[in-house]
Amino acid sequence: MIKNQKEIFSNNLKKWLSIRNKTQTDIVEKFNISPSTVSDWCNAKKFPRIDKIEMLANFLNIYKSDLIEERGRTDIFGNPVVSIPILGIVKAGYDYLAQENWIGSVDVDKKLSENGELFALKVHGDSMSPILIEDDIVIIKKQDDFENGDIVVAIINGDEATIKKGKKNDNSILLQPLNTNYEPLIFTKEELLTIPVTIIGIVKQLKREF
């Protein structure tokens, strides 16, 4: 049976508490969190928000991925994999990695996950066609900058994330659709701050079902 994210987090949290010789009470006392909340995390009844996951990771001196990814799994070829969340929507102004935005999970090569924090997005629309099409799953490395030619994920004016090919110079960035029916989006340095335009990651991999 495939474990859900609550179970994965619960198992990882309990494992690392034991490894670090810590208890649920230690979490309650250090962070002034209710005992029932910590108990719900450990019993797979609730999943914490990303700020709490980061807090716990720092407390246990581990990576956030050590708490939210299932370890020890392999694909059909025997290669180690980890599970990352697929997000149905990403917007600015709130915790887009919160579980309520998750629509599922996808396995990725463990080596890929060791190079940074990953999440996945489901592609909507055809602006990146024919490379990326509706309902494709793209694996995103979370970061706030990019190199010219990267396919980037950006949030514009707080709206849902958009996926475009990125180009930049000292004065502006350009977000280029691959579908020629769409015009590129160009933003000055000032507009990046005032609109605003926020880069949240770059595409590292495509997952497509046939």
N, C-alpha and C. Protein backbone atom coordinates (compact mmCIF):
# COMPACT_ATOMS: atom_id res chain seq x y z
N MET A 1 0.85 -1.20 0.00
CA MET A 1 0.00 0.00 0.00
C MET A 1 0.88 1.24 0.00
N ILE A 2 0.56 2.21 -0.85
CA ILE A 2 1.31 3.45 -0.92
C ILE A 2 0.99 4.31 0.30
N LYS A 3 2.01 4.79 0.95
CA LYS A 3 1.81 5.62 2.12
C LYS A 3 1.46 7.04 1.71
N ASN A 4 0.59 7.68 2.50
CA ASN A 4 0.33 9.08 2.23
C ASN A 4 1.36 9.94 2.96
N GLN A 5 1.33 11.24 2.68
CA GLN A 5 2.37 12.12 3.21
C GLN A 5 2.33 12.20 4.74
N LYS A 6 1.16 12.09 5.33
CA LYS A 6 1.08 12.12 6.79
C LYS A 6 1.83 10.94 7.40
N GLU A 7 1.66 9.76 6.79
CA GLU A 7 2.33 8.56 7.31
C GLU A 7 3.84 8.67 7.12
N ILE A 8 4.26 9.15 5.95
CA ILE A 8 5.69 9.30 5.69
C ILE A 8 6.32 10.25 6.70
N PHE A 9 5.65 11.40 6.91
CA PHE A 9 6.18 12.38 7.86
C PHE A 9 6.21 11.80 9.27
N SER A 10 5.15 11.14 9.66
CA SER A 10 5.08 10.55 11.00
C SER A 10 6.22 9.57 11.23
N ASN A 11 6.43 8.67 10.27
CA ASN A 11 7.51 7.68 10.42
C ASN A 11 8.87 8.35 10.50
N ASN A 12 9.09 9.35 9.66
CA ASN A 12 10.39 10.03 9.66
C ASN A 12 10.61 10.81 10.95
N LEU A 13 9.57 11.50 11.42
CA LEU A 13 9.71 12.29 12.64
C LEU A 13 10.03 11.39 13.83
N LYS A 14 9.32 10.30 13.95
CA LYS A 14 9.57 9.39 15.07
C LYS A 14 10.96 8.77 14.98
N LYS A 15 11.39 8.44 13.77
CA LYS A 15 12.73 7.87 13.60
C LYS A 15 13.80 8.86 14.04
N TRP A 16 13.68 10.13 13.60
CA TRP A 16 14.72 11.10 13.92
C TRP A 16 14.66 11.55 15.37
N LEU A 17 13.49 11.56 15.98
CA LEU A 17 13.42 11.83 17.42
C LEU A 17 14.20 10.76 18.18
N SER A 18 14.05 9.50 17.76
CA SER A 18 14.77 8.42 18.42
C SER A 18 16.27 8.54 18.20
N ILE A 19 16.68 8.83 16.95
CA ILE A 19 18.10 8.96 16.63
C ILE A 19 18.75 10.08 17.43
N ARG A 20 18.04 11.19 17.58
CA ARG A 20 18.58 12.36 18.29
C ARG A 20 18.30 12.31 19.79
N ASN A 21 17.68 11.21 20.24
CA ASN A 21 17.37 11.05 21.67
C ASN A 21 16.49 12.20 22.17
N LYS A 22 15.48 12.53 21.36
CA LYS A 22 14.52 13.57 21.72
C LYS A 22 13.13 12.96 21.88
N THR A 23 12.23 13.71 22.50
CA THR A 23 10.87 13.24 22.71
C THR A 23 9.87 14.28 22.20
N GLN A 24 8.61 13.87 22.13
CA GLN A 24 7.56 14.81 21.77
C GLN A 24 7.51 15.96 22.76
N THR A 25 7.75 15.66 24.02
CA THR A 25 7.73 16.69 25.06
C THR A 25 8.80 17.75 24.80
N ASP A 26 9.95 17.33 24.29
CA ASP A 26 11.02 18.29 23.97
C ASP A 26 10.54 19.30 22.93
N ILE A 27 9.78 18.83 21.93
CA ILE A 27 9.24 19.73 20.91
C ILE A 27 8.23 20.68 21.53
N VAL A 28 7.35 20.14 22.35
CA VAL A 28 6.32 20.96 23.00
C VAL A 28 6.96 22.08 23.82
N GLU A 29 7.96 21.73 24.61
CA GLU A 29 8.56 22.70 25.51
C GLU A 29 9.42 23.72 24.78
N LYS A 30 10.14 23.29 23.75
CA LYS A 30 11.04 24.21 23.06
C LYS A 30 10.28 25.22 22.21
N PHE A 31 9.19 24.78 21.56
CA PHE A 31 8.50 25.65 20.61
C PHE A 31 7.11 26.10 21.06
N ASN A 32 6.75 25.72 22.29
CA ASN A 32 5.45 26.13 22.84
C ASN A 32 4.30 25.71 21.92
N ILE A 33 4.37 24.47 21.45
CA ILE A 33 3.33 23.89 20.61
C ILE A 33 2.50 22.95 21.48
N SER A 34 1.22 22.88 21.22
CA SER A 34 0.35 22.05 22.06
C SER A 34 0.73 20.57 21.92
N PRO A 35 0.65 19.83 23.02
CA PRO A 35 0.97 18.40 22.97
C PRO A 35 0.09 17.64 21.97
N SER A 36 -1.17 18.07 21.84
CA SER A 36 -2.06 17.36 20.91
C SER A 36 -1.61 17.53 19.46
N THR A 37 -1.08 18.71 19.14
CA THR A 37 -0.59 18.93 17.78
C THR A 37 0.60 18.03 17.47
N VAL A 38 1.56 17.99 18.38
CA VAL A 38 2.74 17.14 18.17
C VAL A 38 2.32 15.67 18.11
N SER A 39 1.38 15.28 18.96
CA SER A 39 0.88 13.91 18.93
C SER A 39 0.23 13.58 17.60
N ASP A 40 -0.53 14.53 17.07
CA ASP A 40 -1.19 14.31 15.77
C ASP A 40 -0.15 14.14 14.66
N TRP A 41 0.94 14.89 14.72
CA TRP A 41 2.02 14.71 13.73
C TRP A 41 2.60 13.30 13.83
N CYS A 42 2.86 12.86 15.04
CA CYS A 42 3.52 11.57 15.25
C CYS A 42 2.59 10.39 14.97
N ASN A 43 1.29 10.63 15.03
CA ASN A 43 0.31 9.57 14.79
C ASN A 43 -0.34 9.66 13.41
N ALA A 44 0.27 10.48 12.53
CA ALA A 44 -0.17 10.59 11.13
C ALA A 44 -1.60 11.09 11.00
N LYS A 45 -2.01 11.94 11.94
CA LYS A 45 -3.35 12.52 11.86
C LYS A 45 -3.33 13.89 11.19
N LYS A 46 -2.21 14.57 11.31
CA LYS A 46 -2.06 15.90 10.70
C LYS A 46 -0.69 16.02 10.07
N PHE A 47 -0.61 16.93 9.09
CA PHE A 47 0.67 17.22 8.43
C PHE A 47 1.00 18.68 8.68
N PRO A 48 2.21 18.97 9.18
CA PRO A 48 2.54 20.37 9.52
C PRO A 48 2.79 21.22 8.29
N ARG A 49 2.64 22.53 8.47
CA ARG A 49 2.96 23.47 7.42
C ARG A 49 4.48 23.53 7.25
N ILE A 50 4.91 24.07 6.11
CA ILE A 50 6.33 24.01 5.76
C ILE A 50 7.20 24.76 6.76
N ASP A 51 6.68 25.84 7.41
CA ASP A 51 7.49 26.54 8.39
C ASP A 51 7.76 25.66 9.61
N LYS A 52 6.78 24.84 9.97
CA LYS A 52 6.97 23.92 11.10
C LYS A 52 7.92 22.79 10.72
N ILE A 53 7.85 22.33 9.47
CA ILE A 53 8.77 21.30 9.01
C ILE A 53 10.21 21.82 9.07
N GLU A 54 10.40 23.06 8.63
CA GLU A 54 11.74 23.66 8.69
C GLU A 54 12.20 23.81 10.13
N MET A 55 11.29 24.21 11.00
CA MET A 55 11.61 24.35 12.42
C MET A 55 12.06 23.01 13.01
N LEU A 56 11.33 21.95 12.69
CA LEU A 56 11.67 20.62 13.22
C LEU A 56 12.99 20.12 12.63
N ALA A 57 13.20 20.39 11.34
CA ALA A 57 14.45 19.96 10.71
C ALA A 57 15.65 20.64 11.37
N ASN A 58 15.52 21.93 11.66
CA ASN A 58 16.60 22.64 12.33
C ASN A 58 16.82 22.10 13.74
N PHE A 59 15.73 21.80 14.42
CA PHE A 59 15.80 21.26 15.78
C PHE A 59 16.53 19.92 15.81
N LEU A 60 16.28 19.10 14.79
CA LEU A 60 16.87 17.77 14.72
C LEU A 60 18.18 17.74 13.94
N ASN A 61 18.57 18.92 13.40
CA ASN A 61 19.80 19.04 12.61
C ASN A 61 19.80 18.10 11.41
N ILE A 62 18.72 18.16 10.64
CA ILE A 62 18.56 17.34 9.44
C ILE A 62 18.00 18.22 8.33
N TYR A 63 17.89 17.68 7.12
CA TYR A 63 17.26 18.38 6.02
C TYR A 63 15.74 18.22 6.09
N LYS A 64 15.03 19.21 5.54
CA LYS A 64 13.57 19.08 5.48
C LYS A 64 13.17 17.82 4.73
N SER A 65 13.94 17.48 3.70
CA SER A 65 13.63 16.28 2.91
C SER A 65 13.70 15.01 3.76
N ASP A 66 14.50 15.04 4.83
CA ASP A 66 14.58 13.87 5.71
C ASP A 66 13.26 13.62 6.43
N LEU A 67 12.43 14.64 6.51
CA LEU A 67 11.14 14.50 7.18
C LEU A 67 9.99 14.21 6.22
N ILE A 68 10.07 14.70 4.99
CA ILE A 68 8.90 14.60 4.10
C ILE A 68 9.05 13.58 2.98
N GLU A 69 10.26 13.02 2.82
CA GLU A 69 10.47 12.04 1.76
C GLU A 69 10.58 10.63 2.33
N GLU A 70 10.03 9.69 1.60
CA GLU A 70 10.11 8.29 2.00
C GLU A 70 11.41 7.70 1.51
N ARG A 71 12.19 7.18 2.43
CA ARG A 71 13.51 6.65 2.10
C ARG A 71 13.44 5.14 1.86
N GLY A 72 14.47 4.65 1.17
CA GLY A 72 14.61 3.21 1.01
C GLY A 72 13.75 2.60 -0.07
N ARG A 73 13.14 3.42 -0.93
CA ARG A 73 12.30 2.90 -2.01
C ARG A 73 13.09 2.89 -3.31
N THR A 74 12.69 2.01 -4.24
CA THR A 74 13.35 1.91 -5.52
C THR A 74 12.32 1.89 -6.64
N ASP A 75 12.77 2.23 -7.86
CA ASP A 75 11.89 2.11 -9.02
C ASP A 75 11.97 0.68 -9.56
N ILE A 76 11.32 0.44 -10.71
CA ILE A 76 11.25 -0.93 -11.23
C ILE A 76 12.61 -1.45 -11.69
N PHE A 77 13.58 -0.53 -11.84
CA PHE A 77 14.92 -0.94 -12.24
C PHE A 77 15.86 -1.08 -11.04
N GLY A 78 15.32 -0.85 -9.84
CA GLY A 78 16.13 -0.97 -8.64
C GLY A 78 16.86 0.28 -8.24
N ASN A 79 16.60 1.41 -8.92
CA ASN A 79 17.27 2.65 -8.57
C ASN A 79 16.57 3.32 -7.39
N PRO A 80 17.33 3.85 -6.43
CA PRO A 80 16.70 4.52 -5.28
C PRO A 80 15.89 5.74 -5.71
N VAL A 81 14.69 5.88 -5.15
CA VAL A 81 13.83 7.03 -5.45
C VAL A 81 13.28 7.61 -4.16
N VAL A 82 12.83 8.86 -4.26
CA VAL A 82 12.12 9.50 -3.16
C VAL A 82 10.83 10.09 -3.72
N SER A 83 9.87 10.28 -2.85
CA SER A 83 8.58 10.82 -3.24
C SER A 83 8.52 12.31 -2.93
N ILE A 84 8.07 13.12 -3.90
CA ILE A 84 7.93 14.56 -3.68
C ILE A 84 6.49 14.98 -4.01
N PRO A 85 6.02 16.08 -3.45
CA PRO A 85 4.62 16.48 -3.68
C PRO A 85 4.39 17.08 -5.05
N ILE A 86 3.23 16.76 -5.64
CA ILE A 86 2.74 17.43 -6.84
C ILE A 86 1.77 18.52 -6.39
N LEU A 87 2.02 19.76 -6.82
CA LEU A 87 1.17 20.88 -6.43
C LEU A 87 0.18 21.18 -7.55
N GLY A 88 -1.07 21.36 -7.17
CA GLY A 88 -2.07 21.70 -8.16
C GLY A 88 -2.07 23.18 -8.48
N ILE A 89 -1.59 23.99 -7.52
CA ILE A 89 -1.60 25.44 -7.71
C ILE A 89 -0.47 26.05 -6.89
N VAL A 90 0.12 27.10 -7.40
CA VAL A 90 1.14 27.85 -6.67
C VAL A 90 0.81 29.32 -6.80
N LYS A 91 0.66 30.01 -5.69
CA LYS A 91 0.42 31.45 -5.70
C LYS A 91 1.33 32.11 -4.68
N ALA A 92 1.54 33.39 -4.86
CA ALA A 92 2.32 34.16 -3.90
C ALA A 92 1.46 34.50 -2.69
N GLY A 93 2.11 34.84 -1.60
CA GLY A 93 1.39 35.36 -0.45
C GLY A 93 0.94 34.30 0.53
N TYR A 94 1.20 33.02 0.24
CA TYR A 94 0.90 31.99 1.21
C TYR A 94 1.82 30.81 0.97
N ASP A 95 1.74 29.87 1.87
CA ASP A 95 2.65 28.73 1.85
C ASP A 95 2.24 27.75 0.77
N TYR A 96 2.85 27.89 -0.42
CA TYR A 96 2.41 27.05 -1.53
C TYR A 96 2.81 25.59 -1.38
N LEU A 97 3.72 25.28 -0.44
CA LEU A 97 4.05 23.88 -0.19
C LEU A 97 3.21 23.27 0.91
N ALA A 98 2.20 24.01 1.38
CA ALA A 98 1.29 23.45 2.38
C ALA A 98 0.52 22.28 1.78
N GLN A 99 0.16 21.32 2.63
CA GLN A 99 -0.41 20.07 2.12
C GLN A 99 -1.72 20.29 1.37
N GLU A 100 -2.49 21.33 1.72
CA GLU A 100 -3.76 21.54 1.04
C GLU A 100 -3.59 21.84 -0.44
N ASN A 101 -2.38 22.20 -0.85
CA ASN A 101 -2.12 22.45 -2.27
C ASN A 101 -1.60 21.21 -3.00
N TRP A 102 -1.39 20.13 -2.27
CA TRP A 102 -0.86 18.91 -2.87
C TRP A 102 -1.99 18.12 -3.53
N ILE A 103 -1.76 17.65 -4.73
CA ILE A 103 -2.76 16.83 -5.43
C ILE A 103 -2.26 15.40 -5.63
N GLY A 104 -1.10 15.12 -5.10
CA GLY A 104 -0.54 13.79 -5.23
C GLY A 104 0.95 13.83 -4.99
N SER A 105 1.64 12.78 -5.37
CA SER A 105 3.08 12.71 -5.23
C SER A 105 3.66 11.97 -6.43
N VAL A 106 4.96 12.15 -6.64
CA VAL A 106 5.64 11.51 -7.75
C VAL A 106 7.03 11.10 -7.28
N ASP A 107 7.50 9.96 -7.78
CA ASP A 107 8.84 9.49 -7.43
C ASP A 107 9.88 10.10 -8.36
N VAL A 108 11.00 10.51 -7.77
CA VAL A 108 12.13 11.01 -8.56
C VAL A 108 13.40 10.31 -8.09
N ASP A 109 14.39 10.30 -8.96
CA ASP A 109 15.66 9.70 -8.62
C ASP A 109 16.25 10.34 -7.37
N LYS A 110 16.71 9.54 -6.46
CA LYS A 110 17.25 10.05 -5.19
C LYS A 110 18.40 11.01 -5.43
N LYS A 111 19.24 10.74 -6.45
CA LYS A 111 20.38 11.62 -6.72
C LYS A 111 19.92 13.02 -7.07
N LEU A 112 18.82 13.13 -7.81
CA LEU A 112 18.29 14.45 -8.17
C LEU A 112 17.88 15.22 -6.92
N SER A 113 17.30 14.53 -5.97
CA SER A 113 16.81 15.19 -4.75
C SER A 113 17.94 15.64 -3.84
N GLU A 114 19.13 15.12 -4.04
CA GLU A 114 20.25 15.47 -3.17
C GLU A 114 20.87 16.82 -3.55
N ASN A 115 20.43 17.39 -4.67
CA ASN A 115 21.00 18.66 -5.13
C ASN A 115 20.14 19.87 -4.79
N GLY A 116 19.11 19.69 -3.97
CA GLY A 116 18.27 20.82 -3.58
C GLY A 116 16.85 20.36 -3.30
N GLU A 117 16.05 21.26 -2.76
CA GLU A 117 14.66 20.94 -2.43
C GLU A 117 13.82 20.89 -3.71
N LEU A 118 13.03 19.83 -3.85
CA LEU A 118 12.23 19.62 -5.05
C LEU A 118 10.75 19.62 -4.75
N PHE A 119 9.97 20.06 -5.72
CA PHE A 119 8.53 19.82 -5.73
C PHE A 119 8.12 19.65 -7.19
N ALA A 120 6.89 19.22 -7.42
CA ALA A 120 6.41 18.99 -8.77
C ALA A 120 5.18 19.84 -9.04
N LEU A 121 5.01 20.21 -10.31
CA LEU A 121 3.84 20.98 -10.73
C LEU A 121 3.17 20.29 -11.90
N LYS A 122 1.86 20.39 -11.94
CA LYS A 122 1.11 19.91 -13.11
C LYS A 122 0.95 21.07 -14.08
N VAL A 123 1.31 20.84 -15.34
CA VAL A 123 1.27 21.88 -16.36
C VAL A 123 -0.17 22.15 -16.79
N HIS A 124 -0.52 23.44 -16.88
CA HIS A 124 -1.82 23.86 -17.39
C HIS A 124 -1.60 24.77 -18.59
N GLY A 125 -2.43 24.62 -19.61
CA GLY A 125 -2.32 25.47 -20.78
C GLY A 125 -1.34 24.96 -21.81
N ASP A 126 -1.17 25.73 -22.89
CA ASP A 126 -0.34 25.27 -24.00
C ASP A 126 0.76 26.27 -24.37
N SER A 127 1.09 27.19 -23.47
CA SER A 127 2.08 28.22 -23.81
C SER A 127 3.47 27.64 -24.00
N MET A 128 3.73 26.44 -23.45
CA MET A 128 5.05 25.81 -23.60
C MET A 128 4.99 24.61 -24.54
N SER A 129 3.91 24.48 -25.28
CA SER A 129 3.79 23.43 -26.28
C SER A 129 4.76 23.71 -27.43
N PRO A 130 5.36 22.68 -28.03
CA PRO A 130 5.09 21.25 -27.87
C PRO A 130 5.97 20.56 -26.83
N ILE A 131 6.87 21.30 -26.16
CA ILE A 131 7.78 20.66 -25.20
C ILE A 131 7.03 20.22 -23.95
N LEU A 132 6.22 21.13 -23.40
CA LEU A 132 5.41 20.83 -22.23
C LEU A 132 3.94 20.99 -22.61
N ILE A 133 3.14 19.99 -22.30
CA ILE A 133 1.74 20.02 -22.68
C ILE A 133 0.85 19.83 -21.45
N GLU A 134 -0.42 20.07 -21.64
CA GLU A 134 -1.42 19.98 -20.57
C GLU A 134 -1.28 18.66 -19.80
N ASP A 135 -1.26 18.79 -18.47
CA ASP A 135 -1.21 17.67 -17.53
C ASP A 135 0.15 17.00 -17.41
N ASP A 136 1.18 17.51 -18.11
CA ASP A 136 2.53 17.04 -17.83
C ASP A 136 2.88 17.33 -16.37
N ILE A 137 3.74 16.52 -15.80
CA ILE A 137 4.27 16.78 -14.47
C ILE A 137 5.73 17.19 -14.62
N VAL A 138 6.06 18.38 -14.12
CA VAL A 138 7.44 18.86 -14.19
C VAL A 138 8.03 18.88 -12.78
N ILE A 139 9.28 18.45 -12.69
CA ILE A 139 9.99 18.42 -11.42
C ILE A 139 10.76 19.73 -11.28
N ILE A 140 10.52 20.44 -10.20
CA ILE A 140 11.07 21.78 -9.99
C ILE A 140 12.08 21.77 -8.85
N LYS A 141 13.24 22.37 -9.11
CA LYS A 141 14.19 22.64 -8.02
C LYS A 141 13.89 24.01 -7.48
N LYS A 142 13.62 24.09 -6.19
CA LYS A 142 13.24 25.35 -5.57
C LYS A 142 14.45 26.28 -5.48
N GLN A 143 14.37 27.44 -6.14
CA GLN A 143 15.41 28.46 -6.07
C GLN A 143 14.86 29.77 -6.60
N ASP A 144 15.53 30.87 -6.27
CA ASP A 144 15.00 32.19 -6.62
C ASP A 144 15.78 32.87 -7.73
N ASP A 145 16.63 32.14 -8.43
CA ASP A 145 17.39 32.70 -9.55
C ASP A 145 17.52 31.65 -10.63
N PHE A 146 18.04 32.03 -11.79
CA PHE A 146 18.17 31.07 -12.90
C PHE A 146 19.29 31.50 -13.82
N GLU A 147 19.69 30.59 -14.69
CA GLU A 147 20.66 30.88 -15.74
C GLU A 147 19.91 31.03 -17.06
N ASN A 148 20.43 31.84 -17.97
CA ASN A 148 19.79 32.00 -19.27
C ASN A 148 19.58 30.65 -19.94
N GLY A 149 18.36 30.44 -20.43
CA GLY A 149 18.02 29.19 -21.07
C GLY A 149 17.29 28.21 -20.18
N ASP A 150 17.32 28.44 -18.85
CA ASP A 150 16.55 27.58 -17.94
C ASP A 150 15.06 27.75 -18.19
N ILE A 151 14.31 26.69 -17.98
CA ILE A 151 12.85 26.81 -17.93
C ILE A 151 12.49 27.11 -16.49
N VAL A 152 11.90 28.27 -16.27
CA VAL A 152 11.70 28.77 -14.92
C VAL A 152 10.22 28.73 -14.53
N VAL A 153 10.00 28.75 -13.23
CA VAL A 153 8.66 28.89 -12.67
C VAL A 153 8.61 30.24 -11.96
N ALA A 154 7.68 31.08 -12.39
CA ALA A 154 7.57 32.43 -11.83
C ALA A 154 6.15 32.71 -11.39
N ILE A 155 6.02 33.50 -10.35
CA ILE A 155 4.71 34.00 -9.91
C ILE A 155 4.66 35.48 -10.25
N ILE A 156 3.64 35.87 -11.04
CA ILE A 156 3.51 37.24 -11.50
C ILE A 156 2.31 37.89 -10.83
N ASN A 157 2.57 38.96 -10.11
CA ASN A 157 1.49 39.72 -9.46
C ASN A 157 0.63 38.85 -8.54
N GLY A 158 1.26 37.88 -7.90
CA GLY A 158 0.54 37.05 -6.93
C GLY A 158 -0.34 36.00 -7.53
N ASP A 159 -0.42 35.93 -8.87
CA ASP A 159 -1.29 34.95 -9.52
C ASP A 159 -0.60 33.60 -9.59
N GLU A 160 -1.32 32.64 -10.16
CA GLU A 160 -0.80 31.29 -10.24
C GLU A 160 0.52 31.25 -11.00
N ALA A 161 1.37 30.32 -10.61
CA ALA A 161 2.70 30.21 -11.22
C ALA A 161 2.61 29.96 -12.72
N THR A 162 3.56 30.53 -13.45
CA THR A 162 3.66 30.32 -14.88
C THR A 162 5.02 29.70 -15.19
N ILE A 163 5.08 28.87 -16.22
CA ILE A 163 6.30 28.20 -16.63
C ILE A 163 6.73 28.74 -17.98
N LYS A 164 7.95 29.28 -18.05
CA LYS A 164 8.45 29.88 -19.28
C LYS A 164 9.97 29.68 -19.37
N LYS A 165 10.52 29.86 -20.56
CA LYS A 165 11.97 29.85 -20.73
C LYS A 165 12.52 31.21 -20.32
N GLY A 166 13.51 31.21 -19.46
CA GLY A 166 14.00 32.46 -18.90
C GLY A 166 15.26 33.00 -19.57
N LYS A 167 15.26 34.31 -19.75
CA LYS A 167 16.47 35.02 -20.20
C LYS A 167 16.59 36.27 -19.35
N LYS A 168 17.81 36.70 -19.09
CA LYS A 168 17.99 37.89 -18.26
C LYS A 168 19.24 38.63 -18.66
N ASN A 169 19.24 39.94 -18.35
CA ASN A 169 20.45 40.75 -18.45
C ASN A 169 20.48 41.66 -17.24
N ASP A 170 21.33 42.66 -17.25
CA ASP A 170 21.48 43.53 -16.08
C ASP A 170 20.25 44.38 -15.82
N ASN A 171 19.40 44.57 -16.83
CA ASN A 171 18.28 45.51 -16.69
C ASN A 171 16.90 44.88 -16.69
N SER A 172 16.77 43.62 -17.12
CA SER A 172 15.44 43.04 -17.25
C SER A 172 15.52 41.52 -17.33
N ILE A 173 14.34 40.89 -17.22
CA ILE A 173 14.24 39.46 -17.52
C ILE A 173 13.14 39.28 -18.55
N LEU A 174 13.28 38.23 -19.34
CA LEU A 174 12.30 37.88 -20.36
C LEU A 174 11.83 36.46 -20.10
N LEU A 175 10.51 36.28 -20.07
CA LEU A 175 9.92 34.95 -19.92
C LEU A 175 9.31 34.58 -21.26
N GLN A 176 9.92 33.62 -21.93
CA GLN A 176 9.59 33.29 -23.31
C GLN A 176 8.75 32.02 -23.40
N PRO A 177 7.51 32.13 -23.93
CA PRO A 177 6.75 30.91 -24.23
C PRO A 177 7.41 30.17 -25.40
N LEU A 178 7.23 28.88 -25.47
CA LEU A 178 7.73 28.12 -26.61
C LEU A 178 6.69 28.04 -27.73
N ASN A 179 5.42 28.24 -27.37
CA ASN A 179 4.35 28.29 -28.34
C ASN A 179 4.34 29.69 -28.98
N THR A 180 4.54 29.75 -30.31
CA THR A 180 4.66 31.04 -30.99
C THR A 180 3.36 31.83 -31.04
N ASN A 181 2.26 31.23 -30.60
CA ASN A 181 1.00 31.97 -30.52
C ASN A 181 0.96 32.92 -29.33
N TYR A 182 1.95 32.83 -28.46
CA TYR A 182 1.99 33.66 -27.26
C TYR A 182 3.17 34.61 -27.32
N GLU A 183 2.97 35.80 -26.78
CA GLU A 183 4.02 36.82 -26.74
C GLU A 183 4.90 36.63 -25.50
N PRO A 184 6.17 36.98 -25.61
CA PRO A 184 7.04 36.92 -24.43
C PRO A 184 6.65 37.98 -23.40
N LEU A 185 7.00 37.73 -22.16
CA LEU A 185 6.76 38.67 -21.07
C LEU A 185 8.10 39.28 -20.68
N ILE A 186 8.18 40.60 -20.69
CA ILE A 186 9.43 41.30 -20.38
C ILE A 186 9.20 42.21 -19.18
N PHE A 187 10.12 42.12 -18.22
CA PHE A 187 9.99 42.91 -17.00
C PHE A 187 11.31 43.61 -16.69
N THR A 188 11.23 44.90 -16.38
CA THR A 188 12.42 45.64 -15.95
C THR A 188 12.75 45.28 -14.51
N LYS A 189 13.94 45.71 -14.08
CA LYS A 189 14.33 45.48 -12.69
C LYS A 189 13.31 46.07 -11.72
N GLU A 190 12.84 47.26 -12.05
CA GLU A 190 11.87 47.91 -11.18
C GLU A 190 10.56 47.14 -11.15
N GLU A 191 10.11 46.66 -12.30
CA GLU A 191 8.86 45.91 -12.36
C GLU A 191 8.94 44.60 -11.59
N LEU A 192 10.12 44.00 -11.57
CA LEU A 192 10.28 42.77 -10.79
C LEU A 192 9.90 42.98 -9.34
N LEU A 193 10.17 44.19 -8.84
CA LEU A 193 9.87 44.50 -7.44
C LEU A 193 8.46 45.03 -7.25
N THR A 194 7.97 45.82 -8.21
CA THR A 194 6.69 46.50 -8.01
C THR A 194 5.49 45.66 -8.44
N ILE A 195 5.65 44.78 -9.41
CA ILE A 195 4.48 44.01 -9.87
C ILE A 195 3.96 43.04 -8.81
N PRO A 196 4.72 42.19 -8.13
CA PRO A 196 6.10 41.81 -8.39
C PRO A 196 6.17 40.54 -9.24
N VAL A 197 7.40 40.20 -9.64
CA VAL A 197 7.66 38.94 -10.34
C VAL A 197 8.65 38.15 -9.49
N THR A 198 8.27 36.94 -9.10
CA THR A 198 9.09 36.14 -8.21
C THR A 198 9.45 34.82 -8.86
N ILE A 199 10.72 34.53 -8.98
CA ILE A 199 11.18 33.23 -9.46
C ILE A 199 11.17 32.26 -8.28
N ILE A 200 10.51 31.13 -8.44
CA ILE A 200 10.45 30.17 -7.33
C ILE A 200 11.15 28.85 -7.65
N GLY A 201 11.59 28.67 -8.89
CA GLY A 201 12.30 27.43 -9.20
C GLY A 201 12.59 27.27 -10.67
N ILE A 202 13.33 26.22 -10.99
CA ILE A 202 13.61 25.89 -12.38
C ILE A 202 13.25 24.43 -12.64
N VAL A 203 12.81 24.16 -13.86
CA VAL A 203 12.41 22.81 -14.24
C VAL A 203 13.65 21.94 -14.42
N LYS A 204 13.66 20.79 -13.73
CA LYS A 204 14.78 19.87 -13.83
C LYS A 204 14.44 18.60 -14.59
N GLN A 205 13.14 18.28 -14.65
CA GLN A 205 12.77 17.00 -15.26
C GLN A 205 11.30 17.03 -15.65
N LEU A 206 10.98 16.27 -16.68
CA LEU A 206 9.60 16.11 -17.15
C LEU A 206 9.14 14.69 -16.91
N LYS A 207 7.93 14.54 -16.34
CA LYS A 207 7.29 13.24 -16.18
C LYS A 207 6.00 13.26 -17.00
N ARG A 208 5.88 12.29 -17.90
CA ARG A 208 4.68 12.28 -18.76
C ARG A 208 4.13 10.87 -18.85
N GLU A 209 2.80 10.76 -18.70
CA GLU A 209 2.15 9.47 -18.86
C GLU A 209 1.59 9.34 -20.27
N PHE A 210 1.74 8.16 -20.85
CA PHE A 210 1.22 7.92 -22.20
C PHE A 210 0.05 6.96 -22.15
